[in-house]
Amino acid sequence: MQHKQQGLTAISWLVIILIAGVLVLSVIKLLPTYLDNYTVASSLNSLKELPDLQQKDDDEIYRLIQTRFDINNISTVKAEEAEISRAEGAIAIYLDYEVRTSLLGNIDAVMVFSESVEIVAR
């Protein structure tokens, strides 16, 4: 009677551990950038709570955005990268940016984010 071999060989286990290690490393390296993007989005959305935003000029809005970024320790994007447009009592703020993060050696990950908020006059 022949016995069939069961289980994985040592090389198979090493390959599985290597793949799992790369996935864990990727999560560790990329997660902070995604958390920063969540903070950027919430910083832009917090502008909706300001009652007199319609009366502020673009430079003041940029300062408000940058202040929120500074408080939340966001250094991957600057407020000046945002685009502010005004139309019929509404302000739209668009922020498109990308972040490059080193994964391993000379392998980088580029993440592209696009956030926007529309603030309608009350």
PDB file of N, CA and C in Angstrom:
ATOM      1  N   MET A   1       0.837  -1.177   0.000  1.00  0.00           N
ATOM      2  CA  MET A   1       0.000   0.000   0.000  1.00  0.00           C
ATOM      3  C   MET A   1       0.885   1.244   0.000  1.00  0.00           C
ATOM      4  N   GLN A   2       0.573   2.159  -0.891  1.00  0.00           N
ATOM      5  CA  GLN A   2       1.358   3.380  -0.987  1.00  0.00           C
ATOM      6  C   GLN A   2       0.780   4.449  -0.069  1.00  0.00           C
ATOM      7  N   HIS A   3       1.692   5.186   0.562  1.00  0.00           N
ATOM      8  CA  HIS A   3       1.274   6.326   1.378  1.00  0.00           C
ATOM      9  C   HIS A   3       1.432   7.586   0.548  1.00  0.00           C
ATOM     10  N   LYS A   4       0.386   8.406   0.538  1.00  0.00           N
ATOM     11  CA  LYS A   4       0.480   9.682  -0.163  1.00  0.00           C
ATOM     12  C   LYS A   4       1.059  10.726   0.779  1.00  0.00           C
ATOM     13  N   GLN A   5       1.952  11.507   0.249  1.00  0.00           N
ATOM     14  CA  GLN A   5       2.568  12.549   1.049  1.00  0.00           C
ATOM     15  C   GLN A   5       1.552  13.655   1.299  1.00  0.00           C
ATOM     16  N   GLN A   6       1.478  14.092   2.540  1.00  0.00           N
ATOM     17  CA  GLN A   6       0.550  15.156   2.895  1.00  0.00           C
ATOM     18  C   GLN A   6       1.337  16.325   3.468  1.00  0.00           C
ATOM     19  N   GLY A   7       0.738  17.508   3.349  1.00  0.00           N
ATOM     20  CA  GLY A   7       1.384  18.686   3.907  1.00  0.00           C
ATOM     21  C   GLY A   7       2.253  19.399   2.893  1.00  0.00           C
ATOM     22  N   LEU A   8       2.846  20.474   3.353  1.00  0.00           N
ATOM     23  CA  LEU A   8       3.695  21.295   2.506  1.00  0.00           C
ATOM     24  C   LEU A   8       5.162  21.019   2.793  1.00  0.00           C
ATOM     25  N   THR A   9       5.957  21.189   1.786  1.00  0.00           N
ATOM     26  CA  THR A   9       7.396  21.045   1.969  1.00  0.00           C
ATOM     27  C   THR A   9       7.953  22.315   2.602  1.00  0.00           C
ATOM     28  N   ALA A  10       9.190  22.255   3.016  1.00  0.00           N
ATOM     29  CA  ALA A  10       9.832  23.420   3.643  1.00  0.00           C
ATOM     30  C   ALA A  10       9.902  24.587   2.673  1.00  0.00           C
ATOM     31  N   ILE A  11      10.169  24.319   1.415  1.00  0.00           N
ATOM     32  CA  ILE A  11      10.238  25.395   0.420  1.00  0.00           C
ATOM     33  C   ILE A  11       8.861  26.037   0.241  1.00  0.00           C
ATOM     34  N   SER A  12       7.825  25.244   0.242  1.00  0.00           N
ATOM     35  CA  SER A  12       6.468  25.791   0.125  1.00  0.00           C
ATOM     36  C   SER A  12       6.155  26.702   1.305  1.00  0.00           C
ATOM     37  N   TRP A  13       6.546  26.278   2.513  1.00  0.00           N
ATOM     38  CA  TRP A  13       6.324  27.113   3.688  1.00  0.00           C
ATOM     39  C   TRP A  13       7.107  28.422   3.587  1.00  0.00           C
ATOM     40  N   LEU A  14       8.327  28.360   3.087  1.00  0.00           N
ATOM     41  CA  LEU A  14       9.127  29.582   2.931  1.00  0.00           C
ATOM     42  C   LEU A  14       8.478  30.545   1.938  1.00  0.00           C
ATOM     43  N   VAL A  15       7.927  30.016   0.856  1.00  0.00           N
ATOM     44  CA  VAL A  15       7.252  30.864  -0.126  1.00  0.00           C
ATOM     45  C   VAL A  15       6.024  31.516   0.501  1.00  0.00           C
ATOM     46  N   ILE A  16       5.254  30.771   1.251  1.00  0.00           N
ATOM     47  CA  ILE A  16       4.062  31.315   1.908  1.00  0.00           C
ATOM     48  C   ILE A  16       4.459  32.391   2.920  1.00  0.00           C
ATOM     49  N   ILE A  17       5.491  32.121   3.692  1.00  0.00           N
ATOM     50  CA  ILE A  17       5.957  33.112   4.675  1.00  0.00           C
ATOM     51  C   ILE A  17       6.477  34.357   3.972  1.00  0.00           C
ATOM     52  N   LEU A  18       7.175  34.191   2.856  1.00  0.00           N
ATOM     53  CA  LEU A  18       7.674  35.332   2.098  1.00  0.00           C
ATOM     54  C   LEU A  18       6.522  36.188   1.564  1.00  0.00           C
ATOM     55  N   ILE A  19       5.512  35.564   1.002  1.00  0.00           N
ATOM     56  CA  ILE A  19       4.357  36.304   0.475  1.00  0.00           C
ATOM     57  C   ILE A  19       3.624  37.017   1.613  1.00  0.00           C
ATOM     58  N   ALA A  20       3.434  36.322   2.731  1.00  0.00           N
ATOM     59  CA  ALA A  20       2.773  36.953   3.878  1.00  0.00           C
ATOM     60  C   ALA A  20       3.602  38.125   4.399  1.00  0.00           C
ATOM     61  N   GLY A  21       4.921  37.974   4.422  1.00  0.00           N
ATOM     62  CA  GLY A  21       5.790  39.062   4.870  1.00  0.00           C
ATOM     63  C   GLY A  21       5.704  40.283   3.985  1.00  0.00           C
ATOM     64  N   VAL A  22       5.661  40.065   2.680  1.00  0.00           N
ATOM     65  CA  VAL A  22       5.530  41.193   1.750  1.00  0.00           C
ATOM     66  C   VAL A  22       4.187  41.896   1.947  1.00  0.00           C
ATOM     67  N   LEU A  23       3.121  41.134   2.152  1.00  0.00           N
ATOM     68  CA  LEU A  23       1.806  41.737   2.384  1.00  0.00           C
ATOM     69  C   LEU A  23       1.780  42.537   3.689  1.00  0.00           C
ATOM     70  N   VAL A  24       2.364  41.990   4.740  1.00  0.00           N
ATOM     71  CA  VAL A  24       2.409  42.699   6.027  1.00  0.00           C
ATOM     72  C   VAL A  24       3.251  43.970   5.893  1.00  0.00           C
ATOM     73  N   LEU A  25       4.393  43.884   5.234  1.00  0.00           N
ATOM     74  CA  LEU A  25       5.237  45.057   5.022  1.00  0.00           C
ATOM     75  C   LEU A  25       4.494  46.136   4.234  1.00  0.00           C
ATOM     76  N   SER A  26       3.755  45.716   3.208  1.00  0.00           N
ATOM     77  CA  SER A  26       2.992  46.675   2.407  1.00  0.00           C
ATOM     78  C   SER A  26       1.939  47.384   3.251  1.00  0.00           C
ATOM     79  N   VAL A  27       1.247  46.647   4.066  1.00  0.00           N
ATOM     80  CA  VAL A  27       0.229  47.260   4.931  1.00  0.00           C
ATOM     81  C   VAL A  27       0.878  48.228   5.903  1.00  0.00           C
ATOM     82  N   ILE A  28       1.991  47.837   6.495  1.00  0.00           N
ATOM     83  CA  ILE A  28       2.677  48.709   7.458  1.00  0.00           C
ATOM     84  C   ILE A  28       3.152  50.001   6.787  1.00  0.00           C
ATOM     85  N   LYS A  29       3.619  49.911   5.554  1.00  0.00           N
ATOM     86  CA  LYS A  29       4.133  51.093   4.855  1.00  0.00           C
ATOM     87  C   LYS A  29       3.012  51.971   4.283  1.00  0.00           C
ATOM     88  N   LEU A  30       1.905  51.366   3.826  1.00  0.00           N
ATOM     89  CA  LEU A  30       0.863  52.119   3.124  1.00  0.00           C
ATOM     90  C   LEU A  30      -0.237  52.632   4.041  1.00  0.00           C
ATOM     91  N   LEU A  31      -0.505  51.972   5.138  1.00  0.00           N
ATOM     92  CA  LEU A  31      -1.609  52.361   6.010  1.00  0.00           C
ATOM     93  C   LEU A  31      -1.505  53.796   6.528  1.00  0.00           C
ATOM     94  N   PRO A  32      -0.324  54.273   6.972  1.00  0.00           N
ATOM     95  CA  PRO A  32      -0.257  55.664   7.439  1.00  0.00           C
ATOM     96  C   PRO A  32      -0.656  56.682   6.363  1.00  0.00           C
ATOM     97  N   THR A  33      -0.345  56.408   5.113  1.00  0.00           N
ATOM     98  CA  THR A  33      -0.714  57.328   4.039  1.00  0.00           C
ATOM     99  C   THR A  33      -2.224  57.360   3.851  1.00  0.00           C
ATOM    100  N   TYR A  34      -2.859  56.207   3.926  1.00  0.00           N
ATOM    101  CA  TYR A  34      -4.316  56.176   3.819  1.00  0.00           C
ATOM    102  C   TYR A  34      -4.983  56.844   5.016  1.00  0.00           C
ATOM    103  N   LEU A  35      -4.400  56.702   6.196  1.00  0.00           N
ATOM    104  CA  LEU A  35      -4.932  57.397   7.368  1.00  0.00           C
ATOM    105  C   LEU A  35      -4.765  58.906   7.220  1.00  0.00           C
ATOM    106  N   ASP A  36      -3.635  59.339   6.659  1.00  0.00           N
ATOM    107  CA  ASP A  36      -3.443  60.765   6.385  1.00  0.00           C
ATOM    108  C   ASP A  36      -4.488  61.276   5.401  1.00  0.00           C
ATOM    109  N   ASN A  37      -4.820  60.483   4.390  1.00  0.00           N
ATOM    110  CA  ASN A  37      -5.830  60.890   3.426  1.00  0.00           C
ATOM    111  C   ASN A  37      -7.195  61.034   4.105  1.00  0.00           C
ATOM    112  N   TYR A  38      -7.508  60.144   5.027  1.00  0.00           N
ATOM    113  CA  TYR A  38      -8.762  60.263   5.776  1.00  0.00           C
ATOM    114  C   TYR A  38      -8.777  61.569   6.561  1.00  0.00           C
ATOM    115  N   THR A  39      -7.650  61.939   7.148  1.00  0.00           N
ATOM    116  CA  THR A  39      -7.549  63.188   7.894  1.00  0.00           C
ATOM    117  C   THR A  39      -7.664  64.392   6.968  1.00  0.00           C
ATOM    118  N   VAL A  40      -7.078  64.308   5.783  1.00  0.00           N
ATOM    119  CA  VAL A  40      -7.207  65.390   4.796  1.00  0.00           C
ATOM    120  C   VAL A  40      -8.673  65.581   4.431  1.00  0.00           C
ATOM    121  N   ALA A  41      -9.378  64.493   4.171  1.00  0.00           N
ATOM    122  CA  ALA A  41     -10.791  64.573   3.804  1.00  0.00           C
ATOM    123  C   ALA A  41     -11.615  65.166   4.942  1.00  0.00           C
ATOM    124  N   SER A  42     -11.352  64.745   6.168  1.00  0.00           N
ATOM    125  CA  SER A  42     -12.116  65.299   7.290  1.00  0.00           C
ATOM    126  C   SER A  42     -11.761  66.761   7.544  1.00  0.00           C
ATOM    127  N   SER A  43     -10.519  67.149   7.260  1.00  0.00           N
ATOM    128  CA  SER A  43     -10.139  68.559   7.399  1.00  0.00           C
ATOM    129  C   SER A  43     -10.893  69.423   6.392  1.00  0.00           C
ATOM    130  N   LEU A  44     -11.012  68.938   5.171  1.00  0.00           N
ATOM    131  CA  LEU A  44     -11.773  69.697   4.167  1.00  0.00           C
ATOM    132  C   LEU A  44     -13.251  69.748   4.531  1.00  0.00           C
ATOM    133  N   ASN A  45     -13.791  68.635   5.003  1.00  0.00           N
ATOM    134  CA  ASN A  45     -15.208  68.615   5.377  1.00  0.00           C
ATOM    135  C   ASN A  45     -15.502  69.503   6.572  1.00  0.00           C
ATOM    136  N   SER A  46     -14.512  69.713   7.438  1.00  0.00           N
ATOM    137  CA  SER A  46     -14.731  70.576   8.601  1.00  0.00           C
ATOM    138  C   SER A  46     -14.935  72.035   8.204  1.00  0.00           C
ATOM    139  N   LEU A  47     -14.552  72.389   6.985  1.00  0.00           N
ATOM    140  CA  LEU A  47     -14.779  73.763   6.523  1.00  0.00           C
ATOM    141  C   LEU A  47     -16.265  74.065   6.362  1.00  0.00           C
ATOM    142  N   LYS A  48     -17.081  73.027   6.189  1.00  0.00           N
ATOM    143  CA  LYS A  48     -18.528  73.228   6.060  1.00  0.00           C
ATOM    144  C   LYS A  48     -19.131  73.838   7.315  1.00  0.00           C
ATOM    145  N   GLU A  49     -18.486  73.645   8.452  1.00  0.00           N
ATOM    146  CA  GLU A  49     -19.012  74.129   9.722  1.00  0.00           C
ATOM    147  C   GLU A  49     -18.743  75.613   9.955  1.00  0.00           C
ATOM    148  N   LEU A  50     -17.915  76.220   9.135  1.00  0.00           N
ATOM    149  CA  LEU A  50     -17.609  77.645   9.314  1.00  0.00           C
ATOM    150  C   LEU A  50     -18.744  78.483   8.725  1.00  0.00           C
ATOM    151  N   PRO A  51     -19.344  79.347   9.534  1.00  0.00           N
ATOM    152  CA  PRO A  51     -20.517  80.093   9.055  1.00  0.00           C
ATOM    153  C   PRO A  51     -20.192  81.201   8.049  1.00  0.00           C
ATOM    154  N   ASP A  52     -19.010  81.776   8.110  1.00  0.00           N
ATOM    155  CA  ASP A  52     -18.689  82.932   7.268  1.00  0.00           C
ATOM    156  C   ASP A  52     -17.656  82.614   6.187  1.00  0.00           C
ATOM    157  N   LEU A  53     -17.608  81.396   5.734  1.00  0.00           N
ATOM    158  CA  LEU A  53     -16.605  81.007   4.750  1.00  0.00           C
ATOM    159  C   LEU A  53     -16.818  81.703   3.410  1.00  0.00           C
ATOM    160  N   GLN A  54     -18.049  81.992   3.070  1.00  0.00           N
ATOM    161  CA  GLN A  54     -18.351  82.650   1.785  1.00  0.00           C
ATOM    162  C   GLN A  54     -17.707  84.037   1.691  1.00  0.00           C
ATOM    163  N   GLN A  55     -17.541  84.705   2.816  1.00  0.00           N
ATOM    164  CA  GLN A  55     -16.977  86.057   2.815  1.00  0.00           C
ATOM    165  C   GLN A  55     -15.452  86.062   2.799  1.00  0.00           C
ATOM    166  N   LYS A  56     -14.840  84.931   2.999  1.00  0.00           N
ATOM    167  CA  LYS A  56     -13.373  84.880   3.053  1.00  0.00           C
ATOM    168  C   LYS A  56     -12.799  84.779   1.637  1.00  0.00           C
ATOM    169  N   ASP A  57     -11.647  85.401   1.454  1.00  0.00           N
ATOM    170  CA  ASP A  57     -10.990  85.294   0.153  1.00  0.00           C
ATOM    171  C   ASP A  57     -10.195  83.979   0.082  1.00  0.00           C
ATOM    172  N   ASP A  58      -9.689  83.679  -1.097  1.00  0.00           N
ATOM    173  CA  ASP A  58      -9.019  82.394  -1.311  1.00  0.00           C
ATOM    174  C   ASP A  58      -7.793  82.223  -0.420  1.00  0.00           C
ATOM    175  N   ASP A  59      -7.023  83.291  -0.209  1.00  0.00           N
ATOM    176  CA  ASP A  59      -5.837  83.187   0.642  1.00  0.00           C
ATOM    177  C   ASP A  59      -6.205  82.804   2.069  1.00  0.00           C
ATOM    178  N   GLU A  60      -7.294  83.360   2.569  1.00  0.00           N
ATOM    179  CA  GLU A  60      -7.737  83.017   3.923  1.00  0.00           C
ATOM    180  C   GLU A  60      -8.218  81.564   3.996  1.00  0.00           C
ATOM    181  N   ILE A  61      -8.868  81.093   2.949  1.00  0.00           N
ATOM    182  CA  ILE A  61      -9.304  79.694   2.917  1.00  0.00           C
ATOM    183  C   ILE A  61      -8.090  78.771   2.875  1.00  0.00           C
ATOM    184  N   TYR A  62      -7.073  79.130   2.086  1.00  0.00           N
ATOM    185  CA  TYR A  62      -5.839  78.344   2.069  1.00  0.00           C
ATOM    186  C   TYR A  62      -5.210  78.299   3.465  1.00  0.00           C
ATOM    187  N   ARG A  63      -5.214  79.428   4.174  1.00  0.00           N
ATOM    188  CA  ARG A  63      -4.655  79.461   5.527  1.00  0.00           C
ATOM    189  C   ARG A  63      -5.462  78.568   6.478  1.00  0.00           C
ATOM    190  N   LEU A  64      -6.785  78.584   6.336  1.00  0.00           N
ATOM    191  CA  LEU A  64      -7.625  77.716   7.175  1.00  0.00           C
ATOM    192  C   LEU A  64      -7.335  76.241   6.915  1.00  0.00           C
ATOM    193  N   ILE A  65      -7.191  75.896   5.649  1.00  0.00           N
ATOM    194  CA  ILE A  65      -6.886  74.499   5.299  1.00  0.00           C
ATOM    195  C   ILE A  65      -5.515  74.114   5.833  1.00  0.00           C
ATOM    196  N   GLN A  66      -4.505  74.964   5.619  1.00  0.00           N
ATOM    197  CA  GLN A  66      -3.148  74.645   6.070  1.00  0.00           C
ATOM    198  C   GLN A  66      -3.088  74.552   7.587  1.00  0.00           C
ATOM    199  N   THR A  67      -3.848  75.382   8.291  1.00  0.00           N
ATOM    200  CA  THR A  67      -3.884  75.302   9.746  1.00  0.00           C
ATOM    201  C   THR A  67      -4.410  73.947  10.194  1.00  0.00           C
ATOM    202  N   ARG A  68      -5.459  73.472   9.540  1.00  0.00           N
ATOM    203  CA  ARG A  68      -5.996  72.143   9.871  1.00  0.00           C
ATOM    204  C   ARG A  68      -4.979  71.048   9.563  1.00  0.00           C
ATOM    205  N   PHE A  69      -4.267  71.187   8.453  1.00  0.00           N
ATOM    206  CA  PHE A  69      -3.229  70.203   8.124  1.00  0.00           C
ATOM    207  C   PHE A  69      -2.110  70.228   9.162  1.00  0.00           C
ATOM    208  N   ASP A  70      -1.698  71.421   9.585  1.00  0.00           N
ATOM    209  CA  ASP A  70      -0.632  71.532  10.579  1.00  0.00           C
ATOM    210  C   ASP A  70      -1.054  70.935  11.923  1.00  0.00           C
ATOM    211  N   ILE A  71      -2.284  71.202  12.347  1.00  0.00           N
ATOM    212  CA  ILE A  71      -2.777  70.665  13.616  1.00  0.00           C
ATOM    213  C   ILE A  71      -2.798  69.143  13.581  1.00  0.00           C
ATOM    214  N   ASN A  72      -3.167  68.585  12.441  1.00  0.00           N
ATOM    215  CA  ASN A  72      -3.267  67.133  12.308  1.00  0.00           C
ATOM    216  C   ASN A  72      -1.966  66.479  11.824  1.00  0.00           C
ATOM    217  N   ASN A  73      -0.899  67.264  11.734  1.00  0.00           N
ATOM    218  CA  ASN A  73       0.421  66.768  11.347  1.00  0.00           C
ATOM    219  C   ASN A  73       0.413  66.118   9.957  1.00  0.00           C
ATOM    220  N   ILE A  74      -0.246  66.776   9.017  1.00  0.00           N
ATOM    221  CA  ILE A  74      -0.275  66.310   7.633  1.00  0.00           C
ATOM    222  C   ILE A  74       0.845  67.031   6.885  1.00  0.00           C
ATOM    223  N   SER A  75       1.832  66.277   6.429  1.00  0.00           N
ATOM    224  CA  SER A  75       2.945  66.892   5.710  1.00  0.00           C
ATOM    225  C   SER A  75       3.038  66.394   4.266  1.00  0.00           C
ATOM    226  N   THR A  76       2.155  65.490   3.879  1.00  0.00           N
ATOM    227  CA  THR A  76       2.221  64.927   2.531  1.00  0.00           C
ATOM    228  C   THR A  76       1.583  65.821   1.484  1.00  0.00           C
ATOM    229  N   VAL A  77       0.806  66.800   1.904  1.00  0.00           N
ATOM    230  CA  VAL A  77       0.117  67.687   0.972  1.00  0.00           C
ATOM    231  C   VAL A  77       0.058  69.080   1.582  1.00  0.00           C
ATOM    232  N   LYS A  78       0.102  70.081   0.748  1.00  0.00           N
ATOM    233  CA  LYS A  78       0.019  71.474   1.192  1.00  0.00           C
ATOM    234  C   LYS A  78      -1.299  72.080   0.709  1.00  0.00           C
ATOM    235  N   ALA A  79      -1.796  73.032   1.456  1.00  0.00           N
ATOM    236  CA  ALA A  79      -3.079  73.660   1.117  1.00  0.00           C
ATOM    237  C   ALA A  79      -3.024  74.343  -0.246  1.00  0.00           C
ATOM    238  N   GLU A  80      -1.851  74.840  -0.647  1.00  0.00           N
ATOM    239  CA  GLU A  80      -1.723  75.546  -1.924  1.00  0.00           C
ATOM    240  C   GLU A  80      -1.975  74.630  -3.119  1.00  0.00           C
ATOM    241  N   GLU A  81      -1.954  73.319  -2.898  1.00  0.00           N
ATOM    242  CA  GLU A  81      -2.229  72.386  -3.981  1.00  0.00           C
ATOM    243  C   GLU A  81      -3.723  72.272  -4.272  1.00  0.00           C
ATOM    244  N   ALA A  82      -4.544  72.818  -3.402  1.00  0.00           N
ATOM    245  CA  ALA A  82      -5.998  72.759  -3.592  1.00  0.00           C
ATOM    246  C   ALA A  82      -6.431  73.782  -4.636  1.00  0.00           C
ATOM    247  N   GLU A  83      -7.529  73.491  -5.278  1.00  0.00           N
ATOM    248  CA  GLU A  83      -8.128  74.406  -6.242  1.00  0.00           C
ATOM    249  C   GLU A  83      -9.471  74.865  -5.673  1.00  0.00           C
ATOM    250  N   ILE A  84      -9.647  76.168  -5.588  1.00  0.00           N
ATOM    251  CA  ILE A  84     -10.871  76.742  -5.038  1.00  0.00           C
ATOM    252  C   ILE A  84     -11.642  77.398  -6.171  1.00  0.00           C
ATOM    253  N   SER A  85     -12.907  77.039  -6.294  1.00  0.00           N
ATOM    254  CA  SER A  85     -13.754  77.695  -7.299  1.00  0.00           C
ATOM    255  C   SER A  85     -15.043  78.152  -6.639  1.00  0.00           C
ATOM    256  N   ARG A  86     -15.532  79.288  -7.109  1.00  0.00           N
ATOM    257  CA  ARG A  86     -16.757  79.876  -6.562  1.00  0.00           C
ATOM    258  C   ARG A  86     -17.786  80.006  -7.681  1.00  0.00           C
ATOM    259  N   ALA A  87     -19.037  79.654  -7.330  1.00  0.00           N
ATOM    260  CA  ALA A  87     -20.120  79.784  -8.296  1.00  0.00           C
ATOM    261  C   ALA A  87     -21.453  79.865  -7.565  1.00  0.00           C
ATOM    262  N   GLU A  88     -22.177  80.915  -7.822  1.00  0.00           N
ATOM    263  CA  GLU A  88     -23.557  81.086  -7.333  1.00  0.00           C
ATOM    264  C   GLU A  88     -23.715  80.757  -5.850  1.00  0.00           C
ATOM    265  N   GLY A  89     -22.946  81.409  -5.019  1.00  0.00           N
ATOM    266  CA  GLY A  89     -23.087  81.226  -3.582  1.00  0.00           C
ATOM    267  C   GLY A  89     -22.509  79.931  -3.035  1.00  0.00           C
ATOM    268  N   ALA A  90     -21.738  79.227  -3.819  1.00  0.00           N
ATOM    269  CA  ALA A  90     -21.124  77.981  -3.363  1.00  0.00           C
ATOM    270  C   ALA A  90     -19.620  78.031  -3.594  1.00  0.00           C
ATOM    271  N   ILE A  91     -18.919  77.362  -2.729  1.00  0.00           N
ATOM    272  CA  ILE A  91     -17.472  77.240  -2.869  1.00  0.00           C
ATOM    273  C   ILE A  91     -17.162  75.754  -3.025  1.00  0.00           C
ATOM    274  N   ALA A  92     -16.381  75.431  -4.034  1.00  0.00           N
ATOM    275  CA  ALA A  92     -15.935  74.053  -4.235  1.00  0.00           C
ATOM    276  C   ALA A  92     -14.423  74.023  -4.075  1.00  0.00           C
ATOM    277  N   ILE A  93     -13.963  73.086  -3.279  1.00  0.00           N
ATOM    278  CA  ILE A  93     -12.531  72.928  -3.048  1.00  0.00           C
ATOM    279  C   ILE A  93     -12.137  71.537  -3.528  1.00  0.00           C
ATOM    280  N   TYR A  94     -11.198  71.496  -4.456  1.00  0.00           N
ATOM    281  CA  TYR A  94     -10.721  70.237  -5.024  1.00  0.00           C
ATOM    282  C   TYR A  94      -9.254  70.069  -4.654  1.00  0.00           C
ATOM    283  N   LEU A  95      -8.915  68.886  -4.212  1.00  0.00           N
ATOM    284  CA  LEU A  95      -7.530  68.607  -3.837  1.00  0.00           C
ATOM    285  C   LEU A  95      -7.135  67.258  -4.428  1.00  0.00           C
ATOM    286  N   ASP A  96      -6.313  67.311  -5.468  1.00  0.00           N
ATOM    287  CA  ASP A  96      -5.786  66.102  -6.101  1.00  0.00           C
ATOM    288  C   ASP A  96      -4.294  66.052  -5.801  1.00  0.00           C
ATOM    289  N   TYR A  97      -3.856  64.941  -5.239  1.00  0.00           N
ATOM    290  CA  TYR A  97      -2.436  64.830  -4.911  1.00  0.00           C
ATOM    291  C   TYR A  97      -2.013  63.367  -4.937  1.00  0.00           C
ATOM    292  N   GLU A  98      -0.718  63.161  -5.004  1.00  0.00           N
ATOM    293  CA  GLU A  98      -0.189  61.800  -4.947  1.00  0.00           C
ATOM    294  C   GLU A  98       0.951  61.752  -3.942  1.00  0.00           C
ATOM    295  N   VAL A  99       1.096  60.585  -3.364  1.00  0.00           N
ATOM    296  CA  VAL A  99       2.124  60.365  -2.351  1.00  0.00           C
ATOM    297  C   VAL A  99       2.967  59.171  -2.789  1.00  0.00           C
ATOM    298  N   ARG A 100       4.260  59.337  -2.749  1.00  0.00           N
ATOM    299  CA  ARG A 100       5.191  58.255  -3.092  1.00  0.00           C
ATOM    300  C   ARG A 100       5.823  57.757  -1.791  1.00  0.00           C
ATOM    301  N   THR A 101       5.725  56.442  -1.581  1.00  0.00           N
ATOM    302  CA  THR A 101       6.250  55.827  -0.375  1.00  0.00           C
ATOM    303  C   THR A 101       7.191  54.692  -0.760  1.00  0.00           C
ATOM    304  N   SER A 102       8.335  54.648  -0.123  1.00  0.00           N
ATOM    305  CA  SER A 102       9.289  53.577  -0.384  1.00  0.00           C
ATOM    306  C   SER A 102       8.803  52.299   0.294  1.00  0.00           C
ATOM    307  N   LEU A 103       8.724  51.228  -0.472  1.00  0.00           N
ATOM    308  CA  LEU A 103       8.315  49.945   0.091  1.00  0.00           C
ATOM    309  C   LEU A 103       9.520  49.124   0.539  1.00  0.00           C
ATOM    310  N   LEU A 104      10.414  48.871  -0.401  1.00  0.00           N
ATOM    311  CA  LEU A 104      11.551  48.019  -0.103  1.00  0.00           C
ATOM    312  C   LEU A 104      12.664  48.351  -1.085  1.00  0.00           C
ATOM    313  N   GLY A 105      13.761  48.822  -0.564  1.00  0.00           N
ATOM    314  CA  GLY A 105      14.886  49.159  -1.439  1.00  0.00           C
ATOM    315  C   GLY A 105      14.502  50.250  -2.420  1.00  0.00           C
ATOM    316  N   ASN A 106      14.582  49.945  -3.712  1.00  0.00           N
ATOM    317  CA  ASN A 106      14.231  50.938  -4.727  1.00  0.00           C
ATOM    318  C   ASN A 106      12.832  50.705  -5.296  1.00  0.00           C
ATOM    319  N   ILE A 107      12.005  49.979  -4.574  1.00  0.00           N
ATOM    320  CA  ILE A 107      10.621  49.754  -4.984  1.00  0.00           C
ATOM    321  C   ILE A 107       9.732  50.742  -4.240  1.00  0.00           C
ATOM    322  N   ASP A 108       9.018  51.567  -4.995  1.00  0.00           N
ATOM    323  CA  ASP A 108       8.139  52.583  -4.424  1.00  0.00           C
ATOM    324  C   ASP A 108       6.687  52.270  -4.749  1.00  0.00           C
ATOM    325  N   ALA A 109       5.811  52.800  -3.908  1.00  0.00           N
ATOM    326  CA  ALA A 109       4.374  52.746  -4.173  1.00  0.00           C
ATOM    327  C   ALA A 109       3.905  54.179  -4.359  1.00  0.00           C
ATOM    328  N   VAL A 110       3.127  54.420  -5.401  1.00  0.00           N
ATOM    329  CA  VAL A 110       2.568  55.739  -5.648  1.00  0.00           C
ATOM    330  C   VAL A 110       1.063  55.642  -5.439  1.00  0.00           C
ATOM    331  N   MET A 111       0.562  56.451  -4.513  1.00  0.00           N
ATOM    332  CA  MET A 111      -0.865  56.471  -4.220  1.00  0.00           C
ATOM    333  C   MET A 111      -1.434  57.810  -4.666  1.00  0.00           C
ATOM    334  N   VAL A 112      -2.511  57.770  -5.408  1.00  0.00           N
ATOM    335  CA  VAL A 112      -3.140  58.972  -5.948  1.00  0.00           C
ATOM    336  C   VAL A 112      -4.465  59.177  -5.223  1.00  0.00           C
ATOM    337  N   PHE A 113      -4.664  60.391  -4.709  1.00  0.00           N
ATOM    338  CA  PHE A 113      -5.868  60.712  -3.957  1.00  0.00           C
ATOM    339  C   PHE A 113      -6.559  61.912  -4.587  1.00  0.00           C
ATOM    340  N   SER A 114      -7.860  61.929  -4.489  1.00  0.00           N
ATOM    341  CA  SER A 114      -8.662  63.047  -4.979  1.00  0.00           C
ATOM    342  C   SER A 114      -9.765  63.310  -3.962  1.00  0.00           C
ATOM    343  N   GLU A 115      -9.726  64.477  -3.362  1.00  0.00           N
ATOM    344  CA  GLU A 115     -10.736  64.855  -2.370  1.00  0.00           C
ATOM    345  C   GLU A 115     -11.392  66.152  -2.808  1.00  0.00           C
ATOM    346  N   SER A 116     -12.651  66.289  -2.509  1.00  0.00           N
ATOM    347  CA  SER A 116     -13.351  67.531  -2.835  1.00  0.00           C
ATOM    348  C   SER A 116     -14.459  67.760  -1.833  1.00  0.00           C
ATOM    349  N   VAL A 117     -14.812  69.017  -1.679  1.00  0.00           N
ATOM    350  CA  VAL A 117     -15.913  69.396  -0.805  1.00  0.00           C
ATOM    351  C   VAL A 117     -16.616  70.595  -1.449  1.00  0.00           C
ATOM    352  N   GLU A 118     -17.925  70.589  -1.378  1.00  0.00           N
ATOM    353  CA  GLU A 118     -18.709  71.714  -1.884  1.00  0.00           C
ATOM    354  C   GLU A 118     -19.449  72.331  -0.706  1.00  0.00           C
ATOM    355  N   ILE A 119     -19.254  73.617  -0.559  1.00  0.00           N
ATOM    356  CA  ILE A 119     -19.844  74.339   0.583  1.00  0.00           C
ATOM    357  C   ILE A 119     -20.850  75.328   0.028  1.00  0.00           C
ATOM    358  N   VAL A 120     -22.094  75.129   0.380  1.00  0.00           N
ATOM    359  CA  VAL A 120     -23.182  75.960  -0.119  1.00  0.00           C
ATOM    360  C   VAL A 120     -23.497  77.009   0.952  1.00  0.00           C
ATOM    361  N   ALA A 121     -23.775  78.238   0.522  1.00  0.00           N
ATOM    362  CA  ALA A 121     -24.090  79.318   1.446  1.00  0.00           C
ATOM    363  C   ALA A 121     -25.361  78.994   2.218  1.00  0.00           C
ATOM    364  N   ARG A 122     -25.330  79.344   3.479  1.00  0.00           N
ATOM    365  CA  ARG A 122     -26.495  79.089   4.345  1.00  0.00           C
ATOM    366  C   ARG A 122     -27.457  80.231   4.328  1.00  0.00           C
TER     367      ARG A 122
END
